[in-house]
C-alpha atoms as a PDB file:
ATOM      1  CA  UNK A   1      26.882  35.051  -6.257  1.00  0.00           C
ATOM      2  CA  UNK A   2      28.944  38.070  -7.311  1.00  0.00           C
ATOM      3  CA  UNK A   3      30.548  36.162 -10.188  1.00  0.00           C
ATOM      4  CA  UNK A   4      27.166  34.771 -11.269  1.00  0.00           C
ATOM      5  CA  UNK A   5      25.737  38.300 -11.357  1.00  0.00           C
ATOM      6  CA  UNK A   6      28.671  39.592 -13.394  1.00  0.00           C
ATOM      7  CA  UNK A   7      28.317  36.832 -15.945  1.00  0.00           C
ATOM      8  CA  UNK A   8      24.555  37.221 -16.241  1.00  0.00           C
ATOM      9  CA  UNK A   9      24.915  40.978 -16.600  1.00  0.00           C
ATOM     10  CA  UNK A  10      27.412  40.561 -19.430  1.00  0.00           C
ATOM     11  CA  UNK A  11      25.000  38.296 -21.327  1.00  0.00           C
ATOM     12  CA  UNK A  12      22.775  41.260 -22.075  1.00  0.00           C
ATOM     13  CA  UNK A  13      25.251  43.421 -23.932  1.00  0.00           C
ATOM     14  CA  UNK A  14      28.472  43.335 -25.894  1.00  0.00           C
ATOM     15  CA  UNK A  15      30.726  46.278 -25.117  1.00  0.00           C
ATOM     16  CA  UNK A  16      32.565  47.461 -28.209  1.00  0.00           C
ATOM     17  CA  UNK A  17      36.281  48.117 -27.696  1.00  0.00           C
ATOM     18  CA  UNK A  18      35.975  51.710 -28.904  1.00  0.00           C
ATOM     19  CA  UNK A  19      33.367  52.319 -26.181  1.00  0.00           C
ATOM     20  CA  UNK A  20      35.824  51.405 -23.405  1.00  0.00           C
ATOM     21  CA  UNK A  21      37.324  54.372 -21.540  1.00  0.00           C
ATOM     22  CA  UNK A  22      41.102  54.164 -21.272  1.00  0.00           C
ATOM     23  CA  UNK A  23      43.977  55.993 -19.657  1.00  0.00           C
ATOM     24  CA  UNK A  24      47.651  55.889 -20.591  1.00  0.00           C
ATOM     25  CA  UNK A  25      50.533  54.695 -18.449  1.00  0.00           C
ATOM     26  CA  UNK A  26      54.018  54.429 -19.966  1.00  0.00           C
ATOM     27  CA  UNK A  27      52.357  54.590 -23.384  1.00  0.00           C
ATOM     28  CA  UNK A  28      50.059  51.623 -22.636  1.00  0.00           C
ATOM     29  CA  UNK A  29      46.303  52.193 -22.771  1.00  0.00           C
ATOM     30  CA  UNK A  30      44.800  50.700 -19.618  1.00  0.00           C
ATOM     31  CA  UNK A  31      41.058  50.132 -19.692  1.00  0.00           C
ATOM     32  CA  UNK A  32      38.786  51.793 -17.136  1.00  0.00           C
ATOM     33  CA  UNK A  33      36.399  48.866 -16.853  1.00  0.00           C
ATOM     34  CA  UNK A  34      34.672  46.736 -14.278  1.00  0.00           C
ATOM     35  CA  UNK A  35      34.991  42.981 -14.533  1.00  0.00           C
ATOM     36  CA  UNK A  36      31.523  42.766 -16.090  1.00  0.00           C
ATOM     37  CA  UNK A  37      32.456  45.352 -18.731  1.00  0.00           C
ATOM     38  CA  UNK A  38      35.748  43.575 -19.451  1.00  0.00           C
ATOM     39  CA  UNK A  39      33.929  40.275 -20.000  1.00  0.00           C
ATOM     40  CA  UNK A  40      31.351  41.947 -22.226  1.00  0.00           C
ATOM     41  CA  UNK A  41      34.100  43.527 -24.327  1.00  0.00           C
ATOM     42  CA  UNK A  42      36.007  40.237 -24.611  1.00  0.00           C
ATOM     43  CA  UNK A  43      32.922  38.542 -26.058  1.00  0.00           C
ATOM     44  CA  UNK A  44      33.497  40.646 -29.183  1.00  0.00           C
ATOM     45  CA  UNK A  45      36.882  38.993 -29.655  1.00  0.00           C
ATOM     46  CA  UNK A  46      40.325  40.547 -29.584  1.00  0.00           C
ATOM     47  CA  UNK A  47      43.476  40.403 -27.495  1.00  0.00           C
ATOM     48  CA  UNK A  48      42.970  40.733 -23.732  1.00  0.00           C
ATOM     49  CA  UNK A  49      46.062  41.254 -21.560  1.00  0.00           C
ATOM     50  CA  UNK A  50      46.574  41.890 -17.855  1.00  0.00           C
ATOM     51  CA  UNK A  51      50.099  43.362 -17.639  1.00  0.00           C
ATOM     52  CA  UNK A  52      51.819  42.816 -14.297  1.00  0.00           C
ATOM     53  CA  UNK A  53      54.058  45.252 -12.456  1.00  0.00           C
ATOM     54  CA  UNK A  54      57.237  43.305 -13.298  1.00  0.00           C
ATOM     55  CA  UNK A  55      56.031  43.006 -16.891  1.00  0.00           C
ATOM     56  CA  UNK A  56      55.538  46.761 -17.268  1.00  0.00           C
ATOM     57  CA  UNK A  57      59.189  47.205 -16.292  1.00  0.00           C
ATOM     58  CA  UNK A  58      60.137  45.461 -19.567  1.00  0.00           C
ATOM     59  CA  UNK A  59      58.597  48.179 -21.727  1.00  0.00           C
ATOM     60  CA  UNK A  60      61.958  49.919 -22.176  1.00  0.00           C
ATOM     61  CA  UNK A  61      63.947  46.753 -22.939  1.00  0.00           C
ATOM     62  CA  UNK A  62      61.675  44.363 -24.875  1.00  0.00           C
ATOM     63  CA  UNK A  63      60.200  45.776 -28.107  1.00  0.00           C
ATOM     64  CA  UNK A  64      58.124  42.659 -28.846  1.00  0.00           C
ATOM     65  CA  UNK A  65      56.465  42.754 -25.421  1.00  0.00           C
ATOM     66  CA  UNK A  66      55.875  46.467 -25.888  1.00  0.00           C
ATOM     67  CA  UNK A  67      54.287  45.892 -29.311  1.00  0.00           C
ATOM     68  CA  UNK A  68      51.948  43.285 -27.806  1.00  0.00           C
ATOM     69  CA  UNK A  69      50.666  45.685 -25.138  1.00  0.00           C
ATOM     70  CA  UNK A  70      50.208  48.459 -27.694  1.00  0.00           C
ATOM     71  CA  UNK A  71      48.282  46.093 -30.000  1.00  0.00           C
ATOM     72  CA  UNK A  72      45.975  44.739 -27.280  1.00  0.00           C
ATOM     73  CA  UNK A  73      42.264  45.426 -27.569  1.00  0.00           C
ATOM     74  CA  UNK A  74      41.986  45.424 -23.781  1.00  0.00           C
ATOM     75  CA  UNK A  75      44.762  45.929 -21.222  1.00  0.00           C
ATOM     76  CA  UNK A  76      43.261  45.178 -17.833  1.00  0.00           C
ATOM     77  CA  UNK A  77      44.555  47.292 -14.919  1.00  0.00           C
ATOM     78  CA  UNK A  78      45.773  44.258 -12.994  1.00  0.00           C
ATOM     79  CA  UNK A  79      48.820  45.663 -11.215  1.00  0.00           C
ATOM     80  CA  UNK A  80      47.910  47.091  -7.822  1.00  0.00           C
ATOM     81  CA  UNK A  81      51.340  48.734  -7.642  1.00  0.00           C
ATOM     82  CA  UNK A  82      50.853  50.544 -10.964  1.00  0.00           C
ATOM     83  CA  UNK A  83      47.397  51.750  -9.923  1.00  0.00           C
ATOM     84  CA  UNK A  84      48.739  53.008  -6.581  1.00  0.00           C
ATOM     85  CA  UNK A  85      51.671  54.828  -8.204  1.00  0.00           C
ATOM     86  CA  UNK A  86      49.367  56.476 -10.735  1.00  0.00           C
ATOM     87  CA  UNK A  87      47.200  57.795  -7.924  1.00  0.00           C
ATOM     88  CA  UNK A  88      50.145  59.002  -5.802  1.00  0.00           C
ATOM     89  CA  UNK A  89      51.785  60.757  -8.757  1.00  0.00           C
ATOM     90  CA  UNK A  90      48.575  62.431  -9.908  1.00  0.00           C
ATOM     91  CA  UNK A  91      48.282  60.490 -13.163  1.00  0.00           C
ATOM     92  CA  UNK A  92      44.669  59.452 -12.662  1.00  0.00           C
ATOM     93  CA  UNK A  93      42.553  56.876 -10.893  1.00  0.00           C
ATOM     94  CA  UNK A  94      41.809  53.415 -12.198  1.00  0.00           C
ATOM     95  CA  UNK A  95      39.629  50.654 -10.815  1.00  0.00           C
ATOM     96  CA  UNK A  96      41.603  47.443 -10.392  1.00  0.00           C
ATOM     97  CA  UNK A  97      40.353  44.766 -12.761  1.00  0.00           C
ATOM     98  CA  UNK A  98      42.461  41.707 -12.124  1.00  0.00           C
ATOM     99  CA  UNK A  99      43.147  38.891 -14.547  1.00  0.00           C
ATOM    100  CA  UNK A 100      42.084  36.469 -11.825  1.00  0.00           C
ATOM    101  CA  UNK A 101      38.700  38.149 -11.356  1.00  0.00           C
ATOM    102  CA  UNK A 102      38.274  38.384 -15.122  1.00  0.00           C
ATOM    103  CA  UNK A 103      38.873  34.655 -15.577  1.00  0.00           C
ATOM    104  CA  UNK A 104      36.516  33.760 -12.737  1.00  0.00           C
ATOM    105  CA  UNK A 105      33.738  35.763 -14.420  1.00  0.00           C
ATOM    106  CA  UNK A 106      34.458  34.577 -17.982  1.00  0.00           C
ATOM    107  CA  UNK A 107      34.112  30.956 -16.898  1.00  0.00           C
ATOM    108  CA  UNK A 108      30.483  31.646 -15.967  1.00  0.00           C
ATOM    109  CA  UNK A 109      29.519  32.583 -19.539  1.00  0.00           C
ATOM    110  CA  UNK A 110      26.980  30.176 -21.050  1.00  0.00           C
ATOM    111  CA  UNK A 111      28.985  29.762 -24.259  1.00  0.00           C
ATOM    112  CA  UNK A 112      31.902  28.408 -22.203  1.00  0.00           C
ATOM    113  CA  UNK A 113      29.652  25.566 -21.022  1.00  0.00           C
ATOM    114  CA  UNK A 114      29.349  24.291 -24.602  1.00  0.00           C
ATOM    115  CA  UNK A 115      31.871  21.826 -25.960  1.00  0.00           C
ATOM    116  CA  UNK A 116      34.804  23.089 -28.021  1.00  0.00           C
ATOM    117  CA  UNK A 117      34.061  26.811 -27.607  1.00  0.00           C
ATOM    118  CA  UNK A 118      37.310  27.351 -25.712  1.00  0.00           C
ATOM    119  CA  UNK A 119      40.897  26.291 -26.266  1.00  0.00           C
ATOM    120  CA  UNK A 120      43.592  26.287 -23.581  1.00  0.00           C
ATOM    121  CA  UNK A 121      47.343  26.719 -24.022  1.00  0.00           C
ATOM    122  CA  UNK A 122      48.801  25.025 -20.944  1.00  0.00           C
ATOM    123  CA  UNK A 123      52.365  25.396 -19.606  1.00  0.00           C
ATOM    124  CA  UNK A 124      52.939  21.669 -18.974  1.00  0.00           C
ATOM    125  CA  UNK A 125      51.321  18.243 -19.151  1.00  0.00           C
ATOM    126  CA  UNK A 126      51.012  18.121 -15.343  1.00  0.00           C
ATOM    127  CA  UNK A 127      49.367  21.556 -15.195  1.00  0.00           C
ATOM    128  CA  UNK A 128      46.944  20.548 -17.948  1.00  0.00           C
ATOM    129  CA  UNK A 129      45.717  17.447 -16.077  1.00  0.00           C
ATOM    130  CA  UNK A 130      45.372  19.330 -12.788  1.00  0.00           C
ATOM    131  CA  UNK A 131      43.535  22.274 -14.366  1.00  0.00           C
ATOM    132  CA  UNK A 132      41.232  20.043 -16.438  1.00  0.00           C
ATOM    133  CA  UNK A 133      40.037  18.330 -13.262  1.00  0.00           C
ATOM    134  CA  UNK A 134      39.214  21.698 -11.748  1.00  0.00           C
ATOM    135  CA  UNK A 135      37.452  22.925 -14.904  1.00  0.00           C
ATOM    136  CA  UNK A 136      35.376  19.730 -14.921  1.00  0.00           C
ATOM    137  CA  UNK A 137      34.350  20.451 -11.322  1.00  0.00           C
ATOM    138  CA  UNK A 138      33.023  23.790 -12.586  1.00  0.00           C
ATOM    139  CA  UNK A 139      30.785  22.062 -15.117  1.00  0.00           C
ATOM    140  CA  UNK A 140      32.973  22.872 -18.109  1.00  0.00           C
ATOM    141  CA  UNK A 141      33.253  20.011 -20.593  1.00  0.00           C
ATOM    142  CA  UNK A 142      36.856  20.654 -21.587  1.00  0.00           C
ATOM    143  CA  UNK A 143      39.084  17.740 -22.519  1.00  0.00           C
ATOM    144  CA  UNK A 144      42.641  17.193 -23.651  1.00  0.00           C
ATOM    145  CA  UNK A 145      41.492  17.750 -27.233  1.00  0.00           C
ATOM    146  CA  UNK A 146      40.720  21.344 -26.210  1.00  0.00           C
ATOM    147  CA  UNK A 147      44.263  21.898 -24.934  1.00  0.00           C
ATOM    148  CA  UNK A 148      47.744  22.425 -26.267  1.00  0.00           C
ATOM    149  CA  UNK A 149      50.826  21.873 -24.114  1.00  0.00           C
ATOM    150  CA  UNK A 150      53.142  24.691 -25.058  1.00  0.00           C
ATOM    151  CA  UNK A 151      56.881  24.343 -25.571  1.00  0.00           C
ATOM    152  CA  UNK A 152      59.157  26.584 -23.523  1.00  0.00           C
ATOM    153  CA  UNK A 153      58.955  29.862 -25.406  1.00  0.00           C
ATOM    154  CA  UNK A 154      61.922  32.196 -25.481  1.00  0.00           C
ATOM    155  CA  UNK A 155      61.831  35.117 -23.077  1.00  0.00           C
ATOM    156  CA  UNK A 156      63.458  37.339 -25.690  1.00  0.00           C
ATOM    157  CA  UNK A 157      62.465  38.142 -29.244  1.00  0.00           C
ATOM    158  CA  UNK A 158      59.250  37.316 -31.074  1.00  0.00           C
ATOM    159  CA  UNK A 159      57.148  34.328 -30.023  1.00  0.00           C
ATOM    160  CA  UNK A 160      55.349  32.264 -32.673  1.00  0.00           C
ATOM    161  CA  UNK A 161      54.001  28.706 -32.887  1.00  0.00           C
ATOM    162  CA  UNK A 162      52.864  27.248 -36.192  1.00  0.00           C
ATOM    163  CA  UNK A 163      51.603  23.991 -34.628  1.00  0.00           C
ATOM    164  CA  UNK A 164      49.346  25.938 -32.280  1.00  0.00           C
ATOM    165  CA  UNK A 165      48.142  28.136 -35.136  1.00  0.00           C
ATOM    166  CA  UNK A 166      47.191  25.066 -37.193  1.00  0.00           C
ATOM    167  CA  UNK A 167      45.275  23.560 -34.246  1.00  0.00           C
ATOM    168  CA  UNK A 168      43.356  26.793 -33.707  1.00  0.00           C
ATOM    169  CA  UNK A 169      42.509  27.149 -37.403  1.00  0.00           C
ATOM    170  CA  UNK A 170      41.083  23.629 -37.328  1.00  0.00           C
ATOM    171  CA  UNK A 171      39.043  24.216 -34.150  1.00  0.00           C
ATOM    172  CA  UNK A 172      38.114  27.924 -34.492  1.00  0.00           C
ATOM    173  CA  UNK A 173      37.182  28.386 -30.812  1.00  0.00           C
ATOM    174  CA  UNK A 174      35.392  31.481 -29.479  1.00  0.00           C
ATOM    175  CA  UNK A 175      37.877  31.869 -26.616  1.00  0.00           C
ATOM    176  CA  UNK A 176      41.580  31.083 -26.410  1.00  0.00           C
ATOM    177  CA  UNK A 177      43.172  31.071 -22.959  1.00  0.00           C
ATOM    178  CA  UNK A 178      46.964  31.334 -22.873  1.00  0.00           C
ATOM    179  CA  UNK A 179      48.391  30.223 -19.526  1.00  0.00           C
ATOM    180  CA  UNK A 180      52.133  30.210 -20.212  1.00  0.00           C
ATOM    181  CA  UNK A 181      53.165  33.130 -17.996  1.00  0.00           C
ATOM    182  CA  UNK A 182      54.030  36.799 -18.292  1.00  0.00           C
ATOM    183  CA  UNK A 183      56.377  37.892 -21.055  1.00  0.00           C
ATOM    184  CA  UNK A 184      55.957  35.104 -23.588  1.00  0.00           C
ATOM    185  CA  UNK A 185      52.159  34.847 -23.477  1.00  0.00           C
ATOM    186  CA  UNK A 186      51.552  38.464 -24.506  1.00  0.00           C
ATOM    187  CA  UNK A 187      53.843  38.059 -27.515  1.00  0.00           C
ATOM    188  CA  UNK A 188      52.188  34.778 -28.483  1.00  0.00           C
ATOM    189  CA  UNK A 189      48.727  36.336 -28.165  1.00  0.00           C
ATOM    190  CA  UNK A 190      49.791  39.245 -30.369  1.00  0.00           C
ATOM    191  CA  UNK A 191      51.205  36.879 -32.999  1.00  0.00           C
ATOM    192  CA  UNK A 192      48.019  34.793 -32.994  1.00  0.00           C
ATOM    193  CA  UNK A 193      45.860  37.897 -33.362  1.00  0.00           C
ATOM    194  CA  UNK A 194      47.859  38.884 -36.454  1.00  0.00           C
ATOM    195  CA  UNK A 195      47.798  35.401 -38.015  1.00  0.00           C
ATOM    196  CA  UNK A 196      44.445  33.774 -37.218  1.00  0.00           C
ATOM    197  CA  UNK A 197      41.797  33.910 -39.933  1.00  0.00           C
ATOM    198  CA  UNK A 198      39.014  34.519 -37.385  1.00  0.00           C
ATOM    199  CA  UNK A 199      38.724  36.842 -34.377  1.00  0.00           C
ATOM    200  CA  UNK A 200      38.334  34.925 -31.119  1.00  0.00           C
ATOM    201  CA  UNK A 201      38.915  36.400 -27.686  1.00  0.00           C
ATOM    202  CA  UNK A 202      42.591  35.731 -26.944  1.00  0.00           C
ATOM    203  CA  UNK A 203      42.901  35.944 -23.171  1.00  0.00           C
ATOM    204  CA  UNK A 204      46.424  35.901 -21.743  1.00  0.00           C
ATOM    205  CA  UNK A 205      45.727  34.889 -18.155  1.00  0.00           C
ATOM    206  CA  UNK A 206      49.078  33.430 -17.107  1.00  0.00           C
ATOM    207  CA  UNK A 207      48.941  31.566 -13.810  1.00  0.00           C
ATOM    208  CA  UNK A 208      45.404  32.726 -12.963  1.00  0.00           C
ATOM    209  CA  UNK A 209      43.842  29.315 -13.573  1.00  0.00           C
ATOM    210  CA  UNK A 210      46.524  27.749 -11.360  1.00  0.00           C
ATOM    211  CA  UNK A 211      45.591  30.153  -8.542  1.00  0.00           C
ATOM    212  CA  UNK A 212      41.955  29.032  -8.789  1.00  0.00           C
ATOM    213  CA  UNK A 213      42.574  25.316  -9.307  1.00  0.00           C
ATOM    214  CA  UNK A 214      45.314  25.002  -6.702  1.00  0.00           C
ATOM    215  CA  UNK A 215      47.879  23.839  -9.264  1.00  0.00           C
ATOM    216  CA  UNK A 216      49.910  26.794  -8.011  1.00  0.00           C
ATOM    217  CA  UNK A 217      49.502  28.491  -4.632  1.00  0.00           C
ATOM    218  CA  UNK A 218      45.768  29.067  -4.208  1.00  0.00           C
ATOM    219  CA  UNK A 219      44.831  32.746  -4.149  1.00  0.00           C
ATOM    220  CA  UNK A 220      41.342  33.344  -2.730  1.00  0.00           C
ATOM    221  CA  UNK A 221      39.288  36.104  -4.344  1.00  0.00           C
ATOM    222  CA  UNK A 222      39.438  38.187  -1.139  1.00  0.00           C
ATOM    223  CA  UNK A 223      43.255  38.112  -1.307  1.00  0.00           C
ATOM    224  CA  UNK A 224      43.135  39.173  -4.946  1.00  0.00           C
ATOM    225  CA  UNK A 225      40.792  42.060  -4.103  1.00  0.00           C
ATOM    226  CA  UNK A 226      43.167  43.442  -1.455  1.00  0.00           C
ATOM    227  CA  UNK A 227      46.173  42.969  -3.774  1.00  0.00           C
ATOM    228  CA  UNK A 228      48.194  40.493  -1.707  1.00  0.00           C
ATOM    229  CA  UNK A 229      48.353  37.712  -4.286  1.00  0.00           C
ATOM    230  CA  UNK A 230      52.008  38.633  -4.835  1.00  0.00           C
ATOM    231  CA  UNK A 231      52.682  38.123  -1.118  1.00  0.00           C
ATOM    232  CA  UNK A 232      51.132  34.644  -1.121  1.00  0.00           C
ATOM    233  CA  UNK A 233      53.267  33.697  -4.118  1.00  0.00           C
ATOM    234  CA  UNK A 234      56.411  34.984  -2.406  1.00  0.00           C
ATOM    235  CA  UNK A 235      55.615  33.038   0.756  1.00  0.00           C
ATOM    236  CA  UNK A 236      54.980  29.864  -1.250  1.00  0.00           C
ATOM    237  CA  UNK A 237      58.285  30.033  -3.164  1.00  0.00           C
ATOM    238  CA  UNK A 238      60.565  32.862  -1.957  1.00  0.00           C
ATOM    239  CA  UNK A 239      63.528  31.905  -4.122  1.00  0.00           C
ATOM    240  CA  UNK A 240      61.473  32.122  -7.288  1.00  0.00           C
ATOM    241  CA  UNK A 241      59.097  35.004  -6.636  1.00  0.00           C
ATOM    242  CA  UNK A 242      60.869  37.445  -4.286  1.00  0.00           C
ATOM    243  CA  UNK A 243      63.453  38.457  -6.952  1.00  0.00           C
ATOM    244  CA  UNK A 244      60.673  38.795  -9.516  1.00  0.00           C
ATOM    245  CA  UNK A 245      58.612  41.157  -7.400  1.00  0.00           C
ATOM    246  CA  UNK A 246      61.656  43.113  -6.267  1.00  0.00           C
ATOM    247  CA  UNK A 247      62.138  43.941  -9.948  1.00  0.00           C
ATOM    248  CA  UNK A 248      58.782  45.684  -9.883  1.00  0.00           C
ATOM    249  CA  UNK A 249      60.240  48.410  -7.659  1.00  0.00           C
ATOM    250  CA  UNK A 250      61.795  49.782 -10.873  1.00  0.00           C
ATOM    251  CA  UNK A 251      58.274  50.704 -11.898  1.00  0.00           C
ATOM    252  CA  UNK A 252      58.332  53.696  -9.547  1.00  0.00           C
ATOM    253  CA  UNK A 253      61.335  55.224 -11.339  1.00  0.00           C
ATOM    254  CA  UNK A 254      59.861  54.491 -14.761  1.00  0.00           C
ATOM    255  CA  UNK A 255      56.531  56.123 -13.970  1.00  0.00           C
ATOM    256  CA  UNK A 256      58.198  59.044 -12.199  1.00  0.00           C
ATOM    257  CA  UNK A 257      60.352  59.738 -15.286  1.00  0.00           C
ATOM    258  CA  UNK A 258      57.869  59.060 -18.067  1.00  0.00           C
ATOM    259  CA  UNK A 259      54.352  59.190 -16.588  1.00  0.00           C
ATOM    260  CA  UNK A 260      51.817  58.545 -19.307  1.00  0.00           C
ATOM    261  CA  UNK A 261      54.408  58.491 -22.085  1.00  0.00           C
ATOM    262  CA  UNK A 262      56.220  55.456 -23.452  1.00  0.00           C
ATOM    263  CA  UNK A 263      59.824  55.177 -22.255  1.00  0.00           C
ATOM    264  CA  UNK A 264      62.439  55.085 -25.015  1.00  0.00           C
ATOM    265  CA  UNK A 265      63.709  51.624 -25.888  1.00  0.00           C
ATOM    266  CA  UNK A 266      67.139  51.048 -24.394  1.00  0.00           C
ATOM    267  CA  UNK A 267      69.706  49.729 -26.831  1.00  0.00           C
ATOM    268  CA  UNK A 268      67.543  50.544 -29.902  1.00  0.00           C
END
């Protein structure tokens, strides 16, 4: 019911990007928006990111990732750790607007129910088939022709994909969902924004669809609201996710040193 209300509410207005209140953290403008406001803003098109805690730690080492966050039309305050540290260090208060909650609400939009209005960049053939079954169960008529199985993009340097660009120019969808994971997806979204001839909403949602569909560990909305999605991921695959989230502890030092300002790029 909550998601249905959010989607219906967003049908009645389009929130311009320049109307969105923002606050800075490490030089990145995080939006002070509810999920309904984020969905309404995305309907105008533009690059929508939800930077994670581990991702924010790359701001001082990865210039292409940094450029993507600075170029985004909407950076959702997804990281519960970043929001907590901002509050503790007196840098301001932000509502948490998670990428998972954003996706759940976007999928209720009436234009997403129409064929070919969305295009999905999937991380693998297996993930595509699993996620398509779940999307079909939600009443979304999305088929393989609305998907692109991405290659393994480099974790360093710029990310571009001419085959994907050609497919998107031919289809011209209203929404593009990039599900390839943190780091590469933000760079790809930034490159697409700069090279597409139209202005769709480019939503970099990472594993969010996998959390909803069960293709990855299922994260219920209540767990997302209390910010323990990271814990469920760690429990599901400790070897993979515990080192990743331990990296996020560097965020405390970064924010303590630089606050709202962008950290200098190391090695540049």
